[in-house]
């Protein structure tokens, strides 16, 4: 799991049948200090996260399908939680 910042909603005119009616969002992964890490990813969202929200991403297909309770869907990334606050140990510092 890792942190990410919601950039916006993804719109698709054609989806896999198991994804019909499910919200997809664009998420920029971040480190705990808010610095972008890597490329943005598309995630399924059932928690109603909005642009600017900090979210916890599950980036493993099997676990993602279990969270959404979908058997054989083509899912790689799902929003597992909306983060209210990140608190680091006093010895933590940016890399």
N, C-alpha and C. Protein backbone atom coordinates (compact mmCIF):
# COMPACT_ATOMS: atom_id res chain seq x y z
N UNK A 1 0.84 -1.18 0.00
CA UNK A 1 0.00 0.00 0.00
C UNK A 1 0.89 1.24 0.00
N UNK A 2 0.35 2.29 -0.61
CA UNK A 2 1.08 3.57 -0.58
C UNK A 2 0.10 4.73 -0.64
N UNK A 3 0.62 5.92 -0.35
CA UNK A 3 -0.19 7.13 -0.35
C UNK A 3 -0.28 7.71 -1.76
N UNK A 4 -1.37 8.43 -2.02
CA UNK A 4 -1.53 9.10 -3.29
C UNK A 4 -2.48 10.28 -3.17
N UNK A 5 -2.36 11.24 -4.06
CA UNK A 5 -3.21 12.42 -4.08
C UNK A 5 -4.14 12.33 -5.30
N UNK A 6 -5.45 12.48 -5.07
CA UNK A 6 -6.43 12.38 -6.15
C UNK A 6 -6.31 13.60 -7.05
N UNK A 7 -6.13 13.34 -8.35
CA UNK A 7 -6.03 14.41 -9.34
C UNK A 7 -7.39 14.73 -9.95
N UNK A 8 -8.21 13.73 -10.14
CA UNK A 8 -9.53 13.94 -10.74
C UNK A 8 -10.18 12.64 -11.13
N UNK A 9 -11.32 12.76 -11.81
CA UNK A 9 -12.10 11.60 -12.24
C UNK A 9 -11.67 11.16 -13.63
N UNK A 10 -11.69 9.86 -13.86
CA UNK A 10 -11.40 9.29 -15.17
C UNK A 10 -12.74 8.89 -15.79
N UNK A 11 -12.94 9.30 -17.05
CA UNK A 11 -14.17 8.97 -17.76
C UNK A 11 -13.84 7.99 -18.87
N UNK A 12 -14.62 6.91 -18.95
CA UNK A 12 -14.41 5.90 -20.00
C UNK A 12 -15.75 5.63 -20.68
N UNK A 13 -15.75 5.68 -21.99
CA UNK A 13 -16.98 5.40 -22.72
C UNK A 13 -17.24 3.90 -22.83
N UNK A 14 -16.17 3.10 -22.73
CA UNK A 14 -16.31 1.65 -22.76
C UNK A 14 -15.52 1.08 -21.58
N UNK A 15 -16.18 0.22 -20.79
CA UNK A 15 -15.53 -0.42 -19.64
C UNK A 15 -15.78 -1.92 -19.70
N UNK A 16 -14.94 -2.66 -19.02
CA UNK A 16 -15.18 -4.08 -18.83
C UNK A 16 -16.52 -4.21 -18.10
N UNK A 17 -17.33 -5.21 -18.43
CA UNK A 17 -18.66 -5.35 -17.81
C UNK A 17 -18.65 -5.34 -16.28
N UNK A 18 -17.61 -5.87 -15.64
CA UNK A 18 -17.56 -5.91 -14.17
C UNK A 18 -17.28 -4.53 -13.57
N UNK A 19 -16.87 -3.57 -14.40
CA UNK A 19 -16.55 -2.23 -13.89
C UNK A 19 -17.66 -1.22 -14.16
N UNK A 20 -18.73 -1.65 -14.83
CA UNK A 20 -19.85 -0.74 -15.11
C UNK A 20 -20.40 -0.16 -13.81
N UNK A 21 -20.60 1.15 -13.81
CA UNK A 21 -21.16 1.83 -12.64
C UNK A 21 -20.17 2.09 -11.53
N UNK A 22 -18.91 1.78 -11.73
CA UNK A 22 -17.88 2.02 -10.70
C UNK A 22 -17.07 3.26 -11.07
N UNK A 23 -16.74 4.04 -10.04
CA UNK A 23 -16.00 5.29 -10.23
C UNK A 23 -14.51 5.02 -10.36
N UNK A 24 -13.88 5.63 -11.38
CA UNK A 24 -12.44 5.54 -11.57
C UNK A 24 -11.84 6.93 -11.37
N UNK A 25 -10.70 6.98 -10.68
CA UNK A 25 -10.03 8.26 -10.43
C UNK A 25 -8.56 8.17 -10.82
N UNK A 26 -7.97 9.34 -11.10
CA UNK A 26 -6.56 9.48 -11.42
C UNK A 26 -5.85 9.88 -10.13
N UNK A 27 -4.83 9.11 -9.75
CA UNK A 27 -4.14 9.35 -8.46
C UNK A 27 -2.64 9.45 -8.69
N UNK A 28 -2.04 10.50 -8.12
CA UNK A 28 -0.58 10.69 -8.16
C UNK A 28 0.01 10.12 -6.87
N UNK A 29 0.78 9.01 -6.95
CA UNK A 29 1.43 8.49 -5.74
C UNK A 29 2.37 9.52 -5.12
N UNK A 30 2.42 9.53 -3.78
CA UNK A 30 3.26 10.48 -3.03
C UNK A 30 4.01 9.74 -1.93
N UNK A 31 5.13 10.33 -1.50
CA UNK A 31 5.80 9.83 -0.31
C UNK A 31 5.13 10.45 0.91
N UNK A 32 5.50 10.06 2.14
CA UNK A 32 4.84 10.61 3.33
C UNK A 32 5.03 12.11 3.52
N UNK A 33 5.96 12.71 2.76
CA UNK A 33 6.21 14.14 2.88
C UNK A 33 5.47 14.94 1.82
N UNK A 34 4.67 14.28 0.99
CA UNK A 34 3.88 14.96 -0.03
C UNK A 34 4.56 15.14 -1.37
N UNK A 35 5.73 14.53 -1.54
CA UNK A 35 6.46 14.64 -2.81
C UNK A 35 5.97 13.57 -3.79
N UNK A 36 5.61 13.97 -5.03
CA UNK A 36 5.16 12.98 -6.03
C UNK A 36 6.22 11.91 -6.29
N UNK A 37 5.74 10.67 -6.45
CA UNK A 37 6.62 9.54 -6.70
C UNK A 37 6.06 8.77 -7.90
N UNK A 38 6.81 8.72 -8.99
CA UNK A 38 6.38 7.96 -10.15
C UNK A 38 5.27 8.62 -10.94
N UNK A 39 4.63 7.81 -11.78
CA UNK A 39 3.56 8.27 -12.67
C UNK A 39 2.20 8.11 -12.01
N UNK A 40 1.22 8.94 -12.40
CA UNK A 40 -0.15 8.77 -11.89
C UNK A 40 -0.72 7.41 -12.30
N UNK A 41 -1.65 6.90 -11.49
CA UNK A 41 -2.30 5.62 -11.75
C UNK A 41 -3.81 5.82 -11.74
N UNK A 42 -4.52 4.90 -12.40
CA UNK A 42 -5.98 4.90 -12.37
C UNK A 42 -6.40 3.90 -11.30
N UNK A 43 -7.28 4.33 -10.41
CA UNK A 43 -7.74 3.47 -9.32
C UNK A 43 -9.26 3.46 -9.27
N UNK A 44 -9.83 2.34 -8.85
CA UNK A 44 -11.26 2.29 -8.59
C UNK A 44 -11.52 2.85 -7.21
N UNK A 45 -12.61 3.60 -7.08
CA UNK A 45 -12.91 4.28 -5.82
C UNK A 45 -14.35 4.01 -5.42
N UNK A 46 -14.53 3.39 -4.27
CA UNK A 46 -15.87 3.19 -3.72
C UNK A 46 -16.07 4.01 -2.46
N UNK A 47 -15.09 4.87 -2.13
CA UNK A 47 -15.14 5.66 -0.90
C UNK A 47 -15.47 7.13 -1.13
N UNK A 48 -15.74 7.49 -2.38
CA UNK A 48 -16.10 8.87 -2.75
C UNK A 48 -14.99 9.87 -2.48
N UNK A 49 -13.75 9.51 -2.79
CA UNK A 49 -12.63 10.45 -2.69
C UNK A 49 -12.76 11.49 -3.79
N UNK A 50 -12.35 12.71 -3.49
CA UNK A 50 -12.44 13.79 -4.46
C UNK A 50 -11.09 14.40 -4.76
N UNK A 51 -11.02 15.28 -5.76
CA UNK A 51 -9.76 15.92 -6.12
C UNK A 51 -9.09 16.58 -4.91
N UNK A 52 -7.80 16.32 -4.75
CA UNK A 52 -7.04 16.89 -3.64
C UNK A 52 -6.99 16.00 -2.41
N UNK A 53 -7.85 14.98 -2.32
CA UNK A 53 -7.84 14.09 -1.16
C UNK A 53 -6.59 13.22 -1.15
N UNK A 54 -6.06 12.96 0.03
CA UNK A 54 -4.96 12.03 0.21
C UNK A 54 -5.57 10.67 0.48
N UNK A 55 -5.18 9.66 -0.30
CA UNK A 55 -5.78 8.34 -0.18
C UNK A 55 -4.72 7.27 0.01
N UNK A 56 -5.17 6.12 0.52
CA UNK A 56 -4.32 4.95 0.67
C UNK A 56 -4.64 4.01 -0.48
N UNK A 57 -3.65 3.70 -1.29
CA UNK A 57 -3.84 2.87 -2.48
C UNK A 57 -3.41 1.44 -2.23
N UNK A 58 -4.25 0.50 -2.65
CA UNK A 58 -3.89 -0.92 -2.69
C UNK A 58 -3.54 -1.21 -4.14
N UNK A 59 -2.29 -1.58 -4.39
CA UNK A 59 -1.84 -1.80 -5.77
C UNK A 59 -1.48 -3.26 -6.02
N UNK A 60 -2.38 -4.14 -5.69
CA UNK A 60 -2.19 -5.56 -5.95
C UNK A 60 -3.55 -6.10 -6.35
N UNK A 61 -3.62 -6.72 -7.51
CA UNK A 61 -4.89 -7.12 -8.11
C UNK A 61 -5.77 -7.99 -7.23
N UNK A 62 -5.22 -9.06 -6.67
CA UNK A 62 -6.02 -9.98 -5.86
C UNK A 62 -6.63 -9.30 -4.65
N UNK A 63 -5.83 -8.51 -3.93
CA UNK A 63 -6.33 -7.80 -2.75
C UNK A 63 -7.35 -6.73 -3.15
N UNK A 64 -7.11 -6.08 -4.29
CA UNK A 64 -8.04 -5.07 -4.78
C UNK A 64 -9.40 -5.68 -5.08
N UNK A 65 -9.41 -6.84 -5.70
CA UNK A 65 -10.68 -7.52 -5.99
C UNK A 65 -11.39 -7.94 -4.71
N UNK A 66 -10.63 -8.34 -3.68
CA UNK A 66 -11.25 -8.72 -2.41
C UNK A 66 -11.88 -7.52 -1.73
N UNK A 67 -11.22 -6.36 -1.77
CA UNK A 67 -11.78 -5.15 -1.16
C UNK A 67 -13.11 -4.80 -1.80
N UNK A 68 -13.18 -4.88 -3.13
CA UNK A 68 -14.41 -4.52 -3.85
C UNK A 68 -15.37 -5.70 -4.00
N UNK A 69 -14.96 -6.87 -3.57
CA UNK A 69 -15.77 -8.09 -3.65
C UNK A 69 -16.22 -8.37 -5.09
N UNK A 70 -15.25 -8.30 -6.01
CA UNK A 70 -15.47 -8.61 -7.42
C UNK A 70 -14.57 -9.79 -7.76
N UNK A 71 -15.14 -10.85 -8.27
CA UNK A 71 -14.39 -12.07 -8.55
C UNK A 71 -13.28 -11.94 -9.57
N UNK A 72 -13.61 -11.86 -10.84
CA UNK A 72 -12.63 -11.91 -11.91
C UNK A 72 -12.54 -10.61 -12.70
N UNK A 73 -12.50 -9.49 -12.03
CA UNK A 73 -12.43 -8.19 -12.71
C UNK A 73 -10.98 -7.81 -12.99
N UNK A 74 -10.76 -7.06 -14.08
CA UNK A 74 -9.40 -6.60 -14.41
C UNK A 74 -9.03 -5.36 -13.58
N UNK A 75 -8.72 -5.58 -12.32
CA UNK A 75 -8.42 -4.48 -11.40
C UNK A 75 -6.99 -4.61 -10.91
N UNK A 76 -6.27 -3.49 -10.88
CA UNK A 76 -4.92 -3.48 -10.35
C UNK A 76 -4.80 -2.58 -9.13
N UNK A 77 -5.58 -1.49 -9.09
CA UNK A 77 -5.41 -0.49 -8.04
C UNK A 77 -6.77 -0.03 -7.52
N UNK A 78 -6.90 0.06 -6.21
CA UNK A 78 -8.16 0.49 -5.60
C UNK A 78 -7.85 1.41 -4.42
N UNK A 79 -8.76 2.35 -4.16
CA UNK A 79 -8.63 3.22 -2.99
C UNK A 79 -9.09 2.42 -1.77
N UNK A 80 -8.16 2.17 -0.84
CA UNK A 80 -8.45 1.39 0.36
C UNK A 80 -8.85 2.27 1.54
N UNK A 81 -8.58 3.58 1.46
CA UNK A 81 -8.94 4.49 2.54
C UNK A 81 -8.63 5.93 2.19
N UNK A 82 -9.32 6.83 2.87
CA UNK A 82 -9.04 8.26 2.74
C UNK A 82 -8.27 8.67 3.99
N UNK A 83 -7.12 9.30 3.79
CA UNK A 83 -6.21 9.63 4.90
C UNK A 83 -6.52 11.03 5.44
N UNK A 84 -6.75 11.11 6.75
CA UNK A 84 -7.01 12.39 7.39
C UNK A 84 -5.72 13.09 7.78
N UNK A 85 -4.72 12.30 8.23
CA UNK A 85 -3.53 12.90 8.80
C UNK A 85 -2.37 11.90 8.70
N UNK A 86 -1.19 12.39 8.38
CA UNK A 86 0.02 11.56 8.37
C UNK A 86 0.94 12.09 9.46
N UNK A 87 1.34 11.21 10.36
CA UNK A 87 2.25 11.60 11.43
C UNK A 87 3.47 10.70 11.37
N UNK A 88 4.64 11.30 11.31
CA UNK A 88 5.89 10.55 11.20
C UNK A 88 6.63 10.56 12.53
N UNK A 89 7.45 9.55 12.73
CA UNK A 89 8.28 9.49 13.92
C UNK A 89 9.22 10.69 13.94
N UNK A 90 9.61 11.21 15.11
CA UNK A 90 10.49 12.38 15.17
C UNK A 90 11.81 12.20 14.42
N UNK A 91 12.29 10.97 14.28
CA UNK A 91 13.56 10.77 13.61
C UNK A 91 13.42 10.72 12.08
N UNK A 92 12.19 10.69 11.57
CA UNK A 92 11.98 10.62 10.12
C UNK A 92 12.37 11.93 9.46
N UNK A 93 12.98 11.84 8.30
CA UNK A 93 13.34 13.04 7.55
C UNK A 93 13.19 12.75 6.06
N UNK A 94 12.96 13.80 5.26
CA UNK A 94 12.84 13.58 3.80
C UNK A 94 14.12 13.00 3.23
N UNK A 95 13.98 12.14 2.25
CA UNK A 95 15.16 11.53 1.61
C UNK A 95 15.85 12.51 0.71
